[in-house]
Amino acid sequence: MSADTRAAPARPLTGKAATPRRGSARRSLVRALPVTPAVVLLVLFLAGPIGYCAYIAFTDLQLTGQAHASFVGFDNFRAAFRDEAFLNAVWLTLVFTVLSSLVGQNTLGLALASLMQRASKPIRTLVGGVVITAWVLPEVVAGFLLYAFFRREGTLNAILDRLHLPTQNWLFTLPILAVSFANVWRGTAFSMLVYSAALNEIPKEITEAAEVDGAGGWRRMWHITLPMIRRSIGTNLMLNTLQTLSVFGLIWVMTRGGPGNRSQTLPLFMYEQAFQKSMIGYGTAVALLLLVVGSLFSLAYMRLLRTEV
């Protein structure tokens, strides 16, 4: 084979051939510039603190009486699962979340949204104003109001006494139910607004056709309304659950986790361990476990949201 017929060796792309690639990379950098400040802020104020907290959770860091923190591995997590107070806080957190978010806010918000669809304008304005006012109140203010309602000399016992019904110290006998009701009272407005928007998107022709076919209110709700707003239900449940898992001020103002630890949810238990007992490492480990619980709820709801209607 002659030298003229041999294949020429491949040459690197240079000049005009490489220009489109360099131009594409340059355009990508230019497009990324507007979001760079946001990414930097997220890294500094979100990813950075989370990473530092994850590191602290594996140490024996304390607020006082300690010169240097030592790495202890999974000792904090093992201690948590052997701690009866922690297991009690996990159980009360689940009870509080189910009662006040999954059942209370979700069900009552949907009921109010459905009723307000059929109510007159003055009734809608009055009910909406009352419910939203409870929602926009600061958490501490709402806690004081509900404390005044449930305390032994409070409004609820005064009403029961007028009706000649037995009274009791609700914050002592049923503390977790009292704080759950308080969270329902404060947070139902969000669910009502979400479901009101979802119900307004349902075509009236569908519900009118079902009504003509003889479907009652419950059948229309079960077979038409709920399937058509499934995605809104999933979104509302996810946001409400994550908010409820982190409730601190409301319970702290009403009961401070008491009496004893009968209303001590995970945020209050974490605060007690980290700032009252000065065990920052242990308290941060509990915070990470709470983050895991919230992530599990989020994954379940995200799976629900991916389900086709």
Protein backbone atom coordinates (compact mmCIF):
# COMPACT_ATOMS: atom_id res chain seq x y z
CA MET A 1 0.00 0.00 0.00
CA SER A 2 1.47 3.34 -0.99
CA ALA A 3 1.91 6.23 1.35
CA ASP A 4 -0.66 8.24 -0.62
CA THR A 5 -3.43 5.72 0.06
CA ARG A 6 -2.86 5.49 3.80
CA ALA A 7 -5.54 7.05 6.05
CA ALA A 8 -4.42 10.34 7.47
CA PRO A 9 -4.15 10.40 11.27
CA ALA A 10 -7.01 12.06 13.12
CA ARG A 11 -6.36 15.66 13.99
CA PRO A 12 -7.71 17.44 17.05
CA LEU A 13 -10.53 19.85 16.47
CA THR A 14 -9.13 23.31 16.15
CA GLY A 15 -10.10 26.59 14.68
CA LYS A 16 -13.62 26.78 13.29
CA ALA A 17 -14.50 23.16 14.23
CA ALA A 18 -13.93 23.83 17.94
CA THR A 19 -15.64 27.22 17.94
CA PRO A 20 -19.26 25.90 18.27
CA ARG A 21 -18.33 23.87 21.36
CA ARG A 22 -16.60 26.79 23.01
CA GLY A 23 -19.53 29.01 22.10
CA SER A 24 -21.99 26.54 23.63
CA ALA A 25 -20.00 26.36 26.86
CA ARG A 26 -19.80 30.15 26.97
CA ARG A 27 -23.57 30.46 26.52
CA SER A 28 -24.14 27.93 29.31
CA LEU A 29 -21.95 29.96 31.65
CA VAL A 30 -23.79 33.16 30.74
CA ARG A 31 -27.15 31.50 31.41
CA ALA A 32 -25.91 30.23 34.77
CA LEU A 33 -24.77 33.66 35.97
CA PRO A 34 -28.24 34.93 37.10
CA VAL A 35 -28.77 31.92 39.40
CA THR A 36 -25.24 31.92 40.82
CA PRO A 37 -26.05 34.26 43.75
CA ALA A 38 -29.03 32.08 44.71
CA VAL A 39 -26.90 28.93 44.59
CA VAL A 40 -24.21 30.57 46.72
CA LEU A 41 -26.80 31.66 49.29
CA LEU A 42 -28.32 28.17 49.42
CA VAL A 43 -24.92 26.63 50.00
CA LEU A 44 -24.01 29.14 52.71
CA PHE A 45 -27.29 29.29 54.62
CA LEU A 46 -28.90 25.90 53.91
CA ALA A 47 -26.47 23.20 52.86
CA GLY A 48 -23.70 24.55 55.08
CA PRO A 49 -25.70 24.58 58.35
CA ILE A 50 -27.24 21.18 57.57
CA GLY A 51 -23.81 19.69 56.96
CA TYR A 52 -22.46 21.22 60.18
CA CYS A 53 -25.43 19.89 62.15
CA ALA A 54 -24.88 16.46 60.67
CA TYR A 55 -21.29 16.62 61.92
CA ILE A 56 -22.33 17.78 65.40
CA ALA A 57 -24.78 14.89 65.69
CA PHE A 58 -21.82 12.48 65.71
CA THR A 59 -19.99 14.31 68.51
CA ASP A 60 -20.48 14.81 72.25
CA LEU A 61 -20.57 18.61 71.94
CA GLN A 62 -21.99 20.41 74.98
CA LEU A 63 -22.85 24.02 75.69
CA THR A 64 -20.97 24.24 78.98
CA GLY A 65 -18.25 22.43 80.87
CA GLN A 66 -16.37 21.14 77.83
CA ALA A 67 -13.17 22.34 76.19
CA HIS A 68 -13.24 20.17 73.08
CA ALA A 69 -15.85 17.94 71.44
CA SER A 70 -15.01 14.33 70.59
CA PHE A 71 -16.29 12.20 67.73
CA VAL A 72 -18.56 9.49 69.17
CA GLY A 73 -19.97 7.91 65.99
CA PHE A 74 -23.51 6.60 66.33
CA ASP A 75 -23.55 6.73 70.13
CA ASN A 76 -26.07 9.61 70.19
CA PHE A 77 -28.47 7.73 67.93
CA ARG A 78 -28.12 4.51 69.93
CA ALA A 79 -28.75 6.45 73.13
CA ALA A 80 -31.87 8.00 71.61
CA PHE A 81 -33.47 4.66 70.78
CA ARG A 82 -32.69 3.42 74.30
CA ASP A 83 -34.21 6.55 75.86
CA GLU A 84 -37.83 6.07 76.94
CA ALA A 85 -38.38 9.83 76.87
CA PHE A 86 -37.32 9.92 73.21
CA LEU A 87 -39.62 7.02 72.30
CA ASN A 88 -42.45 8.77 74.13
CA ALA A 89 -41.74 11.96 72.15
CA VAL A 90 -41.83 10.00 68.88
CA TRP A 91 -45.20 8.50 69.79
CA LEU A 92 -46.67 11.86 70.84
CA THR A 93 -45.34 13.47 67.66
CA LEU A 94 -47.14 10.87 65.55
CA VAL A 95 -50.35 11.30 67.58
CA PHE A 96 -50.12 15.09 67.33
CA THR A 97 -49.47 14.94 63.57
CA VAL A 98 -52.25 12.48 62.81
CA LEU A 99 -54.86 14.23 64.96
CA SER A 100 -54.10 17.83 64.06
CA SER A 101 -52.87 17.54 60.47
CA LEU A 102 -54.00 14.36 58.73
CA VAL A 103 -57.41 14.26 60.39
CA GLY A 104 -58.13 17.70 61.82
CA GLN A 105 -56.84 20.34 59.42
CA ASN A 106 -57.27 18.24 56.30
CA THR A 107 -60.83 17.08 57.02
CA LEU A 108 -62.08 20.36 58.46
CA GLY A 109 -60.45 22.37 55.67
CA LEU A 110 -62.15 20.25 53.02
CA ALA A 111 -65.50 20.45 54.84
CA LEU A 112 -65.30 24.24 55.13
CA ALA A 113 -64.27 24.62 51.49
CA SER A 114 -67.18 22.42 50.36
CA LEU A 115 -69.72 24.26 52.52
CA MET A 116 -68.49 27.66 51.42
CA GLN A 117 -69.04 26.65 47.79
CA ARG A 118 -72.78 26.60 48.52
CA ALA A 119 -72.97 29.39 51.11
CA SER A 120 -74.04 32.95 50.44
CA LYS A 121 -71.46 35.68 50.03
CA PRO A 122 -71.93 37.19 53.54
CA ILE A 123 -71.48 33.76 55.14
CA ARG A 124 -68.37 33.08 53.04
CA THR A 125 -66.90 36.43 54.03
CA LEU A 126 -67.62 35.92 57.73
CA VAL A 127 -66.37 32.34 57.96
CA GLY A 128 -63.34 33.00 55.77
CA GLY A 129 -62.40 36.07 57.82
CA VAL A 130 -62.61 34.19 61.13
CA VAL A 131 -60.64 31.18 59.91
CA ILE A 132 -57.92 33.20 58.18
CA THR A 133 -57.55 35.48 61.22
CA ALA A 134 -56.66 32.44 63.31
CA TRP A 135 -54.11 31.44 60.68
CA VAL A 136 -52.31 34.78 60.44
CA LEU A 137 -51.97 35.19 64.21
CA PRO A 138 -48.40 34.67 65.45
CA GLU A 139 -47.86 31.24 66.94
CA VAL A 140 -47.14 32.60 70.40
CA VAL A 141 -50.30 34.74 70.41
CA ALA A 142 -52.38 31.77 69.27
CA GLY A 143 -50.82 29.69 72.06
CA PHE A 144 -51.80 32.22 74.73
CA LEU A 145 -55.35 32.42 73.37
CA LEU A 146 -55.76 28.64 73.43
CA TYR A 147 -54.14 28.45 76.86
CA ALA A 148 -56.77 30.89 78.13
CA PHE A 149 -59.45 28.75 76.48
CA PHE A 150 -58.38 25.39 77.98
CA ARG A 151 -57.05 26.37 81.42
CA ARG A 152 -59.02 25.45 84.54
CA GLU A 153 -60.52 28.94 84.85
CA GLY A 154 -60.73 29.35 81.08
CA THR A 155 -63.47 29.90 78.55
CA LEU A 156 -64.23 26.24 77.85
CA ASN A 157 -64.89 25.40 81.49
CA ALA A 158 -66.99 28.54 81.88
CA ILE A 159 -69.19 27.40 78.97
CA LEU A 160 -69.46 23.86 80.37
CA ASP A 161 -70.33 25.23 83.81
CA ARG A 162 -73.13 27.33 82.30
CA LEU A 163 -74.48 24.19 80.65
CA HIS A 164 -74.20 22.30 83.97
CA LEU A 165 -71.67 19.88 82.47
CA PRO A 166 -68.59 18.55 84.29
CA THR A 167 -65.41 20.60 83.98
CA GLN A 168 -61.77 19.60 84.25
CA ASN A 169 -58.27 20.93 83.81
CA TRP A 170 -57.89 20.07 80.13
CA LEU A 171 -54.21 21.00 79.98
CA PHE A 172 -53.54 18.47 82.74
CA THR A 173 -55.91 15.60 81.89
CA LEU A 174 -55.77 15.68 78.07
CA PRO A 175 -52.75 17.83 77.12
CA ILE A 176 -51.95 16.23 73.75
CA LEU A 177 -55.59 16.54 72.66
CA ALA A 178 -55.67 20.18 73.77
CA VAL A 179 -52.57 21.15 71.78
CA SER A 180 -53.83 19.12 68.79
CA PHE A 181 -57.10 21.06 68.83
CA ALA A 182 -55.13 24.30 69.10
CA ASN A 183 -53.09 23.41 66.01
CA VAL A 184 -56.27 22.52 64.12
CA TRP A 185 -57.83 25.86 65.08
CA ARG A 186 -54.76 27.74 63.92
CA GLY A 187 -53.88 25.86 60.73
CA THR A 188 -57.20 24.92 59.11
CA ALA A 189 -57.29 28.09 57.01
CA PHE A 190 -54.43 26.88 54.81
CA SER A 191 -56.24 23.64 53.97
CA MET A 192 -59.46 25.55 53.34
CA LEU A 193 -57.74 27.86 50.84
CA VAL A 194 -56.04 24.96 49.04
CA TYR A 195 -59.28 22.98 48.72
CA SER A 196 -61.32 26.04 47.75
CA ALA A 197 -58.99 26.63 44.81
CA ALA A 198 -59.12 22.93 43.87
CA LEU A 199 -62.91 22.74 44.04
CA ASN A 200 -63.25 25.81 41.85
CA GLU A 201 -61.29 23.98 39.13
CA ILE A 202 -63.79 21.11 38.91
CA PRO A 203 -66.05 21.63 35.86
CA LYS A 204 -69.61 22.30 36.97
CA GLU A 205 -70.92 20.19 34.07
CA ILE A 206 -69.53 17.04 35.70
CA THR A 207 -71.17 17.60 39.07
CA GLU A 208 -74.43 18.71 37.49
CA ALA A 209 -74.51 15.59 35.32
CA ALA A 210 -73.91 13.38 38.36
CA GLU A 211 -76.68 15.19 40.23
CA VAL A 212 -79.09 14.66 37.33
CA ASP A 213 -78.17 10.95 37.33
CA GLY A 214 -79.31 10.76 40.95
CA ALA A 215 -75.95 10.76 42.74
CA GLY A 216 -76.27 12.13 46.26
CA GLY A 217 -73.86 14.48 47.97
CA TRP A 218 -71.71 11.77 49.54
CA ARG A 219 -71.51 9.77 46.30
CA ARG A 220 -70.50 12.88 44.35
CA MET A 221 -67.87 13.66 46.96
CA TRP A 222 -66.43 10.13 46.98
CA HIS A 223 -66.57 9.28 43.27
CA ILE A 224 -66.10 12.70 41.63
CA THR A 225 -64.73 15.38 43.91
CA LEU A 226 -62.03 13.46 45.80
CA PRO A 227 -60.54 11.72 42.71
CA MET A 228 -60.40 15.02 40.81
CA ILE A 229 -58.61 16.90 43.61
CA ARG A 230 -56.26 14.04 44.55
CA ARG A 231 -53.15 16.02 43.68
CA SER A 232 -54.32 18.95 45.82
CA ILE A 233 -54.97 16.56 48.68
CA GLY A 234 -51.45 15.15 48.41
CA THR A 235 -49.88 18.62 48.28
CA ASN A 236 -51.92 19.85 51.22
CA LEU A 237 -51.12 16.77 53.31
CA MET A 238 -47.40 17.07 52.61
CA LEU A 239 -47.18 20.77 53.51
CA ASN A 240 -49.42 20.41 56.57
CA THR A 241 -47.52 17.40 57.86
CA LEU A 242 -44.12 19.07 57.53
CA GLN A 243 -45.43 22.19 59.28
CA THR A 244 -47.01 20.16 62.08
CA LEU A 245 -43.87 18.13 62.70
CA SER A 246 -41.98 21.35 63.43
CA VAL A 247 -44.58 23.01 65.73
CA PHE A 248 -42.80 24.29 68.82
CA GLY A 249 -44.07 27.67 70.05
CA LEU A 250 -47.74 26.68 70.26
CA ILE A 251 -47.08 23.66 72.51
CA TRP A 252 -44.40 25.45 74.51
CA VAL A 253 -46.73 28.32 75.39
CA MET A 254 -49.66 26.05 76.28
CA THR A 255 -48.02 23.19 78.21
CA ARG A 256 -44.20 23.34 77.84
CA GLY A 257 -44.44 19.65 77.05
CA GLY A 258 -46.13 18.81 80.36
CA PRO A 259 -47.48 17.80 82.65
CA GLY A 260 -44.43 15.60 82.95
CA ASN A 261 -43.75 14.77 79.32
CA ARG A 262 -47.32 13.98 78.24
CA SER A 263 -47.32 16.61 75.47
CA GLN A 264 -43.60 16.66 74.71
CA THR A 265 -43.21 16.19 70.97
CA LEU A 266 -39.85 15.80 69.24
CA PRO A 267 -39.15 19.55 68.76
CA LEU A 268 -39.66 20.15 72.49
CA PHE A 269 -37.60 17.08 73.42
CA MET A 270 -34.82 18.27 71.13
CA TYR A 271 -34.90 21.75 72.70
CA GLU A 272 -34.77 20.28 76.22
CA GLN A 273 -31.77 18.07 75.47
CA ALA A 274 -29.82 20.68 73.49
CA PHE A 275 -30.44 23.92 75.39
CA GLN A 276 -31.76 23.01 78.84
CA LYS A 277 -29.48 20.03 79.47
CA SER A 278 -26.69 21.50 77.27
CA MET A 279 -26.25 18.29 75.23
CA ILE A 280 -25.94 19.87 71.79
CA GLY A 281 -24.66 16.70 70.10
CA TYR A 282 -27.52 14.56 71.39
CA GLY A 283 -30.13 17.21 70.63
CA THR A 284 -28.82 17.60 67.09
CA ALA A 285 -29.00 13.84 66.58
CA VAL A 286 -32.68 14.00 67.59
CA ALA A 287 -33.16 16.85 65.11
CA LEU A 288 -31.69 14.70 62.32
CA LEU A 289 -34.06 11.87 63.26
CA LEU A 290 -36.94 14.34 63.04
CA LEU A 291 -35.66 15.32 59.59
CA VAL A 292 -35.74 11.66 58.59
CA VAL A 293 -39.34 11.33 59.78
CA GLY A 294 -40.32 14.38 57.72
CA SER A 295 -38.49 12.96 54.69
CA LEU A 296 -40.39 9.68 54.96
CA PHE A 297 -43.70 11.53 55.00
CA SER A 298 -42.57 13.63 52.02
CA LEU A 299 -41.58 10.55 50.00
CA ALA A 300 -44.98 8.97 50.67
CA TYR A 301 -46.80 12.09 49.53
CA MET A 302 -44.55 12.54 46.49
CA ARG A 303 -45.45 9.01 45.48
CA LEU A 304 -49.11 9.93 45.85
CA LEU A 305 -48.61 13.04 43.72
CA ARG A 306 -47.06 10.97 40.92
CA THR A 307 -50.13 8.75 40.78
CA GLU A 308 -52.27 9.51 37.77
CA VAL A 309 -55.74 10.82 38.50
